Protein backbone atom coordinates (compact mmCIF):
# COMPACT_ATOMS: atom_id res chain seq x y z
CA MET A 1 24.07 -18.71 -39.72
CA LYS A 2 24.82 -20.52 -36.48
CA ASN A 3 26.31 -17.34 -34.99
CA PHE A 4 23.22 -15.38 -36.08
CA VAL A 5 20.87 -17.89 -34.39
CA THR A 6 23.00 -17.78 -31.26
CA ALA A 7 22.89 -13.97 -31.22
CA VAL A 8 19.11 -13.96 -31.64
CA ALA A 9 18.73 -16.49 -28.83
CA LEU A 10 20.91 -14.37 -26.56
CA LEU A 11 18.91 -11.26 -27.40
CA ILE A 12 15.65 -13.03 -26.63
CA GLY A 13 17.12 -14.30 -23.38
CA LEU A 14 18.31 -10.84 -22.39
CA THR A 15 14.93 -9.34 -23.22
CA PHE A 16 13.16 -11.95 -21.10
CA SER A 17 15.60 -11.42 -18.25
CA ALA A 18 15.12 -7.66 -18.43
CA HIS A 19 11.33 -7.87 -18.08
CA ALA A 20 10.37 -11.26 -16.71
CA GLU A 21 6.99 -10.20 -15.32
CA THR A 22 4.78 -7.14 -14.95
CA PHE A 23 2.29 -6.64 -12.14
CA LEU A 24 -0.13 -4.08 -10.71
CA SER A 25 0.49 -2.26 -7.45
CA VAL A 26 -2.61 -0.70 -5.89
CA SER A 27 -3.24 0.89 -2.51
CA ASP A 28 -5.75 2.76 -0.37
CA ILE A 29 -8.90 2.19 -2.41
CA HIS A 30 -11.14 3.42 0.42
CA PHE A 31 -14.42 2.48 -1.23
CA ASP A 32 -17.38 4.49 0.13
CA PRO A 33 -20.76 2.74 -0.24
CA PHE A 34 -22.34 5.71 1.58
CA ALA A 35 -21.47 8.18 -1.20
CA ASP A 36 -25.16 8.12 -2.18
CA PRO A 37 -26.92 7.81 1.20
CA SER A 38 -30.27 7.05 -0.45
CA LEU A 39 -28.93 3.65 -1.55
CA VAL A 40 -27.76 2.47 1.88
CA PRO A 41 -31.03 0.77 2.97
CA LYS A 42 -31.10 -1.15 -0.32
CA LEU A 43 -27.45 -2.18 0.08
CA GLU A 44 -28.17 -3.31 3.62
CA ALA A 45 -31.02 -5.55 2.52
CA ALA A 46 -29.35 -6.97 -0.59
CA ASN A 47 -26.74 -9.66 -1.01
CA VAL A 48 -23.49 -8.54 -2.57
CA ALA A 49 -24.41 -9.98 -5.98
CA GLN A 50 -27.13 -7.32 -6.16
CA TRP A 51 -24.83 -4.42 -5.27
CA PRO A 52 -23.64 -3.61 -8.82
CA ALA A 53 -27.20 -2.93 -10.00
CA ILE A 54 -28.08 -0.94 -6.89
CA LEU A 55 -24.97 1.22 -7.09
CA ALA A 56 -25.44 1.73 -10.83
CA SER A 57 -28.94 3.10 -10.14
CA SER A 58 -27.51 6.13 -8.33
CA SER A 59 -28.26 9.54 -9.79
CA THR A 60 -24.62 10.44 -9.06
CA THR A 61 -22.48 9.49 -12.04
CA THR A 62 -19.53 11.83 -11.53
CA PHE A 63 -16.36 10.83 -9.70
CA SER A 64 -15.91 11.63 -6.04
CA THR A 65 -13.25 14.31 -5.77
CA TYR A 66 -10.68 15.87 -3.43
CA GLY A 67 -11.73 15.53 0.20
CA SER A 68 -13.84 12.44 -0.46
CA ASP A 69 -13.19 8.74 -0.68
CA VAL A 70 -13.94 6.54 -3.69
CA ASN A 71 -17.50 6.25 -4.98
CA ASP A 72 -18.62 3.55 -7.39
CA PRO A 73 -18.01 5.51 -10.62
CA LEU A 74 -14.42 6.25 -9.55
CA LEU A 75 -13.79 2.67 -8.42
CA ARG A 76 -15.01 1.22 -11.70
CA SER A 77 -13.10 3.80 -13.74
CA ALA A 78 -9.87 3.02 -11.87
CA VAL A 79 -10.19 -0.73 -12.32
CA ALA A 80 -11.17 -0.32 -15.99
CA GLU A 81 -8.04 1.78 -16.56
CA MET A 82 -5.89 -0.84 -14.84
CA LYS A 83 -7.31 -3.45 -17.18
CA THR A 84 -6.77 -1.22 -20.22
CA GLN A 85 -3.14 -0.58 -19.31
CA LEU A 86 -2.33 -4.14 -18.22
CA PRO A 87 -5.02 -6.64 -19.28
CA LYS A 88 -3.19 -9.67 -17.91
CA PRO A 89 -0.91 -8.77 -14.98
CA ALA A 90 1.26 -11.51 -13.58
CA PHE A 91 -0.34 -10.70 -10.22
CA VAL A 92 -1.78 -7.79 -8.24
CA LEU A 93 -0.52 -6.36 -4.92
CA ILE A 94 -2.97 -4.38 -2.79
CA SER A 95 -1.39 -2.56 0.16
CA GLY A 96 -4.56 -2.28 2.23
CA ASP A 97 -7.39 0.10 3.17
CA PHE A 98 -10.35 -1.20 1.21
CA LEU A 99 -12.90 0.65 3.36
CA ALA A 100 -13.64 4.37 3.43
CA HIS A 101 -12.60 6.63 6.28
CA LYS A 102 -15.15 7.06 9.08
CA PHE A 103 -16.91 3.95 7.88
CA GLN A 104 -18.49 3.13 11.22
CA GLN A 105 -19.76 6.66 11.77
CA LYS A 106 -21.33 6.79 8.32
CA TYR A 107 -22.98 3.44 8.82
CA GLN A 108 -24.54 4.60 12.08
CA GLN A 109 -25.74 7.76 10.34
CA TYR A 110 -27.37 6.15 7.30
CA ALA A 111 -28.18 2.52 8.13
CA THR A 112 -31.54 1.26 9.36
CA ASP A 113 -30.21 -1.64 11.45
CA LYS A 114 -27.46 -0.23 13.63
CA SER A 115 -26.59 -3.45 15.48
CA GLN A 116 -23.05 -4.82 15.53
CA THR A 117 -24.18 -7.94 13.71
CA ALA A 118 -25.67 -5.88 10.88
CA TYR A 119 -22.60 -3.66 10.77
CA THR A 120 -20.22 -6.63 10.47
CA ALA A 121 -22.38 -7.98 7.64
CA PHE A 122 -22.26 -4.62 5.83
CA VAL A 123 -18.48 -4.38 6.22
CA THR A 124 -18.15 -7.90 4.85
CA LYS A 125 -20.33 -7.10 1.84
CA THR A 126 -18.32 -3.97 1.12
CA VAL A 127 -15.03 -5.87 1.09
CA ALA A 128 -16.65 -8.58 -1.03
CA TYR A 129 -17.92 -6.00 -3.52
CA VAL A 130 -14.48 -4.44 -4.00
CA ALA A 131 -12.98 -7.91 -4.35
CA SER A 132 -15.59 -8.84 -6.96
CA VAL A 133 -14.85 -5.73 -9.06
CA LEU A 134 -11.15 -6.60 -9.11
CA ARG A 135 -11.65 -10.32 -9.66
CA ASP A 136 -14.10 -9.71 -12.52
CA ALA A 137 -11.51 -7.48 -14.18
CA PHE A 138 -8.65 -9.92 -13.59
CA PRO A 139 -10.01 -13.47 -13.57
CA HIS A 140 -7.47 -16.23 -12.97
CA VAL A 141 -4.94 -13.65 -11.69
CA ARG A 142 -3.47 -14.00 -8.21
CA ILE A 143 -4.33 -11.01 -6.04
CA TYR A 144 -2.43 -10.51 -2.79
CA PRO A 145 -4.15 -8.17 -0.29
CA THR A 146 -3.10 -6.93 3.10
CA LEU A 147 -5.03 -5.08 5.79
CA GLY A 148 -5.13 -1.31 6.22
CA ASN A 149 -6.00 0.54 9.40
CA ASN A 150 -9.55 1.18 8.14
CA ASP A 151 -10.16 -2.50 7.40
CA SER A 152 -12.07 -3.67 10.44
CA ASP A 153 -15.59 -4.17 11.79
CA CYS A 154 -14.54 -2.53 15.05
CA GLY A 155 -13.30 0.90 13.94
CA ASP A 156 -10.12 2.54 12.75
CA TYR A 157 -6.86 0.91 13.93
CA ALA A 158 -8.93 -1.67 15.78
CA VAL A 159 -8.90 -4.98 13.94
CA ALA A 160 -9.11 -7.78 16.50
CA PRO A 161 -7.07 -11.01 16.35
CA ASN A 162 -9.11 -14.19 15.76
CA SER A 163 -12.14 -12.13 14.76
CA ILE A 164 -15.14 -12.80 12.55
CA PHE A 165 -13.92 -10.00 10.30
CA LEU A 166 -10.60 -11.75 9.65
CA ALA A 167 -12.36 -15.03 8.90
CA ASN A 168 -14.75 -13.29 6.53
CA PHE A 169 -11.90 -11.44 4.80
CA ARG A 170 -10.12 -14.77 4.35
CA ASP A 171 -13.20 -16.38 2.81
CA ILE A 172 -13.67 -13.49 0.37
CA TRP A 173 -10.09 -13.37 -0.89
CA SER A 174 -9.04 -17.05 -0.68
CA PRO A 175 -9.83 -17.93 -4.32
CA ALA A 176 -7.67 -15.05 -5.60
CA VAL A 177 -4.79 -15.57 -3.16
CA ASP A 178 -4.66 -19.37 -3.47
CA SER A 179 -2.40 -19.93 -0.48
CA ARG A 180 -2.72 -22.49 2.30
CA SER A 181 -0.99 -20.06 4.63
CA PHE A 182 -3.68 -17.47 3.88
CA VAL A 183 -6.43 -19.99 4.65
CA ARG A 184 -4.87 -21.22 7.88
CA ARG A 185 -3.00 -18.21 9.26
CA PHE A 186 -4.89 -15.11 8.15
CA PRO A 187 -7.92 -15.57 10.47
CA THR A 188 -5.64 -15.58 13.52
CA GLY A 189 -3.96 -12.23 12.93
CA GLY A 190 -4.29 -10.95 9.37
CA TYR A 191 -0.93 -12.16 8.02
CA TYR A 192 0.23 -14.94 5.69
CA HIS A 193 2.71 -15.95 3.01
CA ALA A 194 2.17 -16.88 -0.63
CA ASP A 195 4.51 -18.14 -3.33
CA VAL A 196 4.11 -16.32 -6.64
CA PRO A 197 3.73 -18.56 -9.70
CA GLY A 198 5.83 -17.58 -12.67
CA VAL A 199 8.49 -15.70 -10.70
CA ARG A 200 11.31 -17.97 -9.62
CA ASN A 201 11.42 -18.47 -5.86
CA LEU A 202 9.46 -15.29 -5.06
CA ARG A 203 7.52 -15.43 -1.81
CA ILE A 204 5.30 -12.62 -0.55
CA ILE A 205 5.02 -12.33 3.22
CA ALA A 206 2.06 -10.11 4.02
CA ILE A 207 2.04 -8.69 7.53
CA ASN A 208 -0.58 -6.83 9.52
CA THR A 209 1.18 -3.67 10.68
CA ASN A 210 -1.93 -2.35 12.40
CA PHE A 211 -0.81 -4.21 15.53
CA PHE A 212 2.41 -2.17 15.51
CA SER A 213 0.79 1.25 15.06
CA THR A 214 0.99 4.01 17.66
CA ASP A 215 -2.79 4.36 17.13
CA TYR A 216 -3.74 0.70 17.54
CA LYS A 217 -6.28 -0.33 20.13
CA ASN A 218 -8.22 -3.55 20.59
CA PRO A 219 -11.65 -2.71 22.01
CA CYS A 220 -13.37 -5.69 20.41
CA GLY A 221 -10.77 -8.37 21.07
CA LYS A 222 -10.36 -10.71 24.00
CA PRO A 223 -7.51 -10.35 26.50
CA GLY A 224 -4.53 -12.44 25.52
CA PRO A 225 -0.91 -12.43 24.42
CA ASP A 226 0.45 -9.34 22.68
CA ALA A 227 -0.70 -9.74 19.06
CA GLY A 228 2.14 -7.62 17.70
CA LEU A 229 4.87 -9.60 19.41
CA GLN A 230 3.24 -12.87 18.34
CA GLU A 231 3.28 -11.65 14.75
CA LEU A 232 6.93 -10.66 14.95
CA ARG A 233 7.86 -14.13 16.20
CA TRP A 234 5.91 -15.59 13.28
CA LEU A 235 7.70 -13.23 10.87
CA ASP A 236 11.12 -14.30 12.14
CA ASP A 237 10.15 -17.96 11.71
CA GLU A 238 8.80 -17.28 8.21
CA LEU A 239 11.98 -15.54 7.14
CA ARG A 240 14.08 -18.42 8.46
CA LEU A 241 11.90 -20.83 6.51
CA ALA A 242 12.20 -18.73 3.37
CA ARG A 243 15.98 -18.63 3.74
CA ASP A 244 16.16 -22.40 4.15
CA GLU A 245 13.95 -22.86 1.07
CA HIS A 246 16.06 -20.38 -0.94
CA LYS A 247 13.16 -17.99 -1.44
CA ARG A 248 13.35 -14.33 -2.36
CA VAL A 249 10.98 -12.40 -0.13
CA TRP A 250 8.93 -9.29 -0.64
CA LEU A 251 7.19 -7.94 2.44
CA LEU A 252 3.71 -6.53 1.88
CA PHE A 253 2.07 -4.28 4.48
CA HIS A 254 0.01 -1.14 4.89
CA ILE A 255 1.61 1.11 7.49
CA PRO A 256 5.37 1.38 6.90
CA PRO A 257 7.92 1.59 9.70
CA GLY A 258 9.68 4.87 10.28
CA MET A 259 8.51 8.43 10.51
CA ASP A 260 5.05 9.90 10.15
CA VAL A 261 6.51 12.92 8.40
CA TYR A 262 3.19 14.62 7.69
CA ASP A 263 2.09 14.63 11.34
CA THR A 264 5.58 15.63 12.47
CA MET A 265 5.67 18.60 10.09
CA GLU A 266 2.05 19.58 10.65
CA TYR A 267 1.76 19.21 14.42
CA GLY A 268 5.28 18.62 15.80
CA GLY A 269 6.44 22.21 16.11
CA SER A 270 9.76 23.61 14.93
CA CYS A 271 13.45 22.98 15.60
CA PRO A 272 15.03 22.49 18.01
CA GLY A 273 11.96 21.20 19.85
CA VAL A 274 10.20 19.21 17.11
CA LYS A 275 8.08 16.37 18.46
CA ALA A 276 8.96 13.60 16.00
CA GLN A 277 6.15 11.11 15.39
CA THR A 278 6.75 7.54 14.25
CA PHE A 279 4.15 5.28 12.64
CA TRP A 280 4.98 2.32 14.88
CA LYS A 281 5.54 1.91 18.59
CA ASP A 282 9.19 1.36 19.54
CA GLN A 283 8.34 -1.96 21.19
CA TYR A 284 7.52 -3.33 17.73
CA GLN A 285 9.76 -1.31 15.43
CA GLU A 286 12.96 -2.16 17.27
CA PRO A 287 12.54 -5.96 17.07
CA TYR A 288 11.20 -5.65 13.51
CA LEU A 289 14.35 -3.83 12.43
CA ARG A 290 16.51 -6.44 14.16
CA ILE A 291 14.63 -9.29 12.49
CA THR A 292 14.78 -7.77 9.02
CA ALA A 293 18.47 -6.89 9.47
CA ASN A 294 19.18 -10.53 10.27
CA HIS A 295 17.47 -11.55 7.03
CA ARG A 296 18.84 -8.91 4.67
CA ALA A 297 19.99 -11.57 2.22
CA THR A 298 16.45 -12.96 1.94
CA ILE A 299 14.37 -9.77 1.80
CA ARG A 300 14.44 -8.12 -1.62
CA GLY A 301 12.13 -5.23 -0.78
CA SER A 302 8.77 -4.19 0.62
CA PHE A 303 5.54 -2.66 -0.68
CA ALA A 304 3.36 -0.43 1.50
CA GLY A 305 0.63 2.21 1.39
CA HIS A 306 -1.05 4.36 4.05
CA THR A 307 0.44 7.78 3.24
CA HIS A 308 -1.54 8.03 -0.03
CA GLN A 309 1.68 9.31 -1.62
CA ASP A 310 4.11 7.96 -4.19
CA GLU A 311 7.26 7.74 -2.06
CA PHE A 312 9.74 5.40 -0.40
CA ARG A 313 11.71 4.46 2.68
CA ILE A 314 15.09 2.75 2.95
CA ALA A 315 15.32 0.19 5.76
CA ASN A 316 18.17 -2.22 6.49
CA GLY A 317 19.51 -2.02 2.97
CA ALA A 318 16.17 -2.72 1.27
CA PHE A 319 13.59 -0.44 -0.30
CA ILE A 320 10.06 0.14 0.95
CA HIS A 321 8.03 1.29 -2.02
CA ILE A 322 4.91 3.24 -1.01
CA THR A 323 2.18 3.04 -3.63
CA PRO A 324 -0.08 6.09 -4.10
CA SER A 325 -3.78 5.86 -3.32
CA ILE A 326 -6.83 5.47 -5.47
CA SER A 327 -8.71 7.67 -2.99
CA PRO A 328 -8.37 11.46 -3.49
CA VAL A 329 -9.51 12.19 0.05
CA PHE A 330 -6.28 13.94 1.09
CA GLY A 331 -5.99 16.07 -2.03
CA ASN A 332 -3.82 13.81 -4.16
CA ASN A 333 -4.86 12.54 -7.58
CA PRO A 334 -5.92 8.89 -7.81
CA ALA A 335 -3.08 6.71 -9.08
CA PHE A 336 -1.83 3.17 -9.49
CA GLU A 337 1.40 1.66 -10.75
CA ILE A 338 2.52 -0.98 -13.24
CA VAL A 339 5.75 -2.59 -12.04
CA HIS A 340 8.34 -4.47 -14.11
CA ILE A 341 10.56 -7.08 -12.48
CA ASN A 342 13.18 -9.52 -13.73
CA GLU A 343 13.35 -13.25 -13.15
CA ASN A 344 15.25 -12.68 -9.89
CA ALA A 345 12.36 -10.63 -8.43
CA GLU A 346 14.35 -7.40 -8.75
CA VAL A 347 12.33 -4.30 -9.57
CA LEU A 348 13.57 -2.75 -12.80
CA ASP A 349 11.06 0.00 -13.38
CA TYR A 350 7.49 1.10 -12.81
CA THR A 351 5.03 3.39 -14.57
CA ALA A 352 2.54 5.53 -12.65
CA HIS A 353 -0.90 6.24 -14.10
CA HIS A 354 -3.04 8.96 -12.58
CA LEU A 355 -6.34 10.83 -12.92
CA PRO A 356 -5.47 14.55 -13.11
CA ASN A 357 -7.89 16.76 -11.18
CA VAL A 358 -9.95 13.59 -10.58
CA THR A 359 -11.42 14.12 -14.04
CA ALA A 360 -11.32 11.73 -16.99
CA PRO A 361 -9.30 10.74 -18.87
CA TRP A 362 -6.66 8.84 -16.99
CA ALA A 363 -3.10 9.50 -18.13
CA ARG A 364 0.38 8.04 -17.99
CA GLU A 365 2.13 10.19 -15.39
CA TYR A 366 5.76 9.02 -15.52
CA ALA A 367 8.09 6.05 -15.67
CA PHE A 368 10.73 5.73 -12.96
CA ASP A 369 13.65 5.10 -15.33
CA GLU A 370 12.72 7.99 -17.62
CA ALA A 371 12.13 10.45 -14.78
CA TYR A 372 15.25 9.71 -12.77
CA GLY A 373 17.68 8.08 -15.22
CA GLN A 374 17.97 4.97 -13.06
CA ARG A 375 18.12 1.50 -14.60
CA ARG A 376 16.76 -0.26 -11.54
CA TYR A 377 14.54 0.48 -8.55
CA ASP A 378 16.69 -0.35 -5.54
CA THR A 379 18.33 1.29 -2.54
CA ALA A 380 21.23 2.60 -4.61
CA SER A 381 18.93 4.39 -7.06
CA LEU A 382 16.75 5.73 -4.25
CA ALA A 383 19.79 6.98 -2.34
CA ALA A 384 20.97 8.75 -5.50
CA ILE A 385 17.56 10.41 -5.91
CA ASP A 386 17.54 11.43 -2.27
CA SER A 387 21.02 12.93 -2.57
CA ALA A 388 20.23 14.80 -5.79
CA MET A 389 17.07 16.20 -4.28
CA HIS A 390 19.08 18.32 -1.82
CA ASP A 391 20.89 20.36 -4.47
CA ASN A 392 18.80 19.95 -7.62
CA THR A 393 15.67 22.06 -7.30
CA THR A 394 14.26 20.76 -10.58
CA MET A 395 14.61 17.17 -9.41
CA ARG A 396 13.10 18.10 -6.05
CA THR A 397 10.06 19.78 -7.60
CA GLN A 398 9.57 16.86 -9.96
CA PHE A 399 9.76 14.31 -7.13
CA PHE A 400 7.18 16.05 -4.97
CA THR A 401 4.87 16.60 -7.92
CA PHE A 402 4.96 12.86 -8.61
CA MET A 403 4.61 12.19 -4.89
CA ALA A 404 1.13 13.79 -4.99
CA ALA A 405 0.29 12.08 -8.29
CA GLY A 406 0.36 15.50 -9.95
CA ALA A 407 -2.08 17.32 -7.64
CA PRO A 408 -0.70 20.91 -7.45
CA LYS A 409 -1.75 21.88 -3.93
CA SER A 410 -0.68 18.60 -2.30
CA ALA A 411 2.62 18.75 -4.16
CA ALA A 412 3.24 22.34 -3.04
CA ASP A 413 2.41 21.49 0.57
CA ALA A 414 4.83 18.56 0.60
CA LEU A 415 7.52 20.55 -1.21
CA ALA A 416 7.33 23.23 1.48
CA SER A 417 8.38 20.54 3.99
CA TRP A 418 10.85 18.75 1.73
CA GLN A 419 13.66 18.69 4.30
CA GLY A 420 11.48 16.71 6.68
CA TYR A 421 10.47 14.24 4.00
CA ALA A 422 14.08 13.84 2.86
CA CYS A 423 15.08 12.91 6.41
CA GLY A 424 12.07 10.60 6.70
CA PHE A 425 13.06 8.64 3.59
CA ARG A 426 16.19 7.41 5.35
CA MET A 427 15.74 7.89 9.10
CA LEU A 428 13.42 5.38 10.77
CA THR A 429 13.65 6.38 14.43
CA ALA A 430 12.66 9.60 16.15
CA SER A 431 16.21 10.18 17.40
CA SER A 432 17.86 9.69 14.00
CA PHE A 433 15.21 11.86 12.37
CA MET A 434 15.90 14.65 14.87
CA THR A 435 19.63 14.42 14.24
CA CYS A 436 18.95 14.81 10.51
CA TYR A 437 16.23 17.44 10.68
CA CYS A 438 17.47 19.52 13.62
CA PRO A 439 21.28 19.28 13.68
CA ALA A 440 22.86 20.26 16.97
CA SER A 441 24.75 23.12 15.32
CA THR A 442 21.61 24.98 14.25
CA SER A 443 17.98 25.43 15.15
CA ALA A 444 16.94 25.35 11.50
CA PRO A 445 16.38 22.34 9.23
CA PRO A 446 19.34 21.38 7.01
CA HIS A 447 19.57 22.86 3.52
């Protein structure tokens, strides 16, 4: 009997260790309050507590579809499905881009008060509305957001350090984040750290990668020290602190380092003269890679968004998991992911849920372990998938179908450029990408 009790206890312990916690990973919501232009004057005049009733009064009840960002019916459907699939997540990660594309232009087109003060107020209410939808669905759950390039009251890729927008964003999300670092640090530059309750020694360091982007500008900020370099110094200090406190770190950001494969394939020309485009400027990527290499033992992985695709990068021996978007604006199906981790903050598996053809019902798309036969989500499993993709056409087709969350045209477009994407998964600099994609011995991409 004693041996039986011991065996049961071990089994329970192994089960707990295998799946210590489960959380939601969400990205690129891109909520569009202008989807029904007739409501904009009412939204302008109302406080955010009145927005649900105003938006529900719209004559449009169908989901926004391919080529458009997220309207209220799609937002509420997505969050309802998240709650159905995982009613009580351990926490929620949001990899940025809460606001719709061309937000400023649409506001100027439809709003009655076109002043900057009114615009900042409308941006703030939009962020607050999205936050309220998520917090109502997941009360008492920690939600960890980061900024996307569209999240600003100054335009795309234009968030200003020490701005009213950052302070307002902090005030909206503080109750859900529950981090002193978020309260004190976020208003200065849009970055912070937070320790995750229930997961032993896990610390999330959320960084604002807009400052590093090749598209970043600062038309609304005041002259001062380089915001990107200041952030990198902060990151290095944070990683040293985490090491000294024996923390396991996940980095959370919107724009990943490495290659902008889509722009490179679409606009960069052909071998041997491809113009390779990176997401970040070299002056930030190079020190970032040095810093993260120095802290490889502390960093367990990263979560990002921005590409709207379900994909990955490998950087300095750690994974960067890119979560697909809720927005179908670029032709992909809306999707989110449920991620399983063990007590050591190692990712074991995830399940993707998507909305095929942007039409109800939502469906379970795939689970990582079932699709790829890998027992863990880490650099070894991703390297194995990347290697198999070169010779296994079935695996390749499957990967790029999942990459677009099952949208046929987007999957076919990406599959047609699979060699470029395969190089981009591993090669983070323009020179290494070119060596991979355009080998010196041939003018054609590798096969």
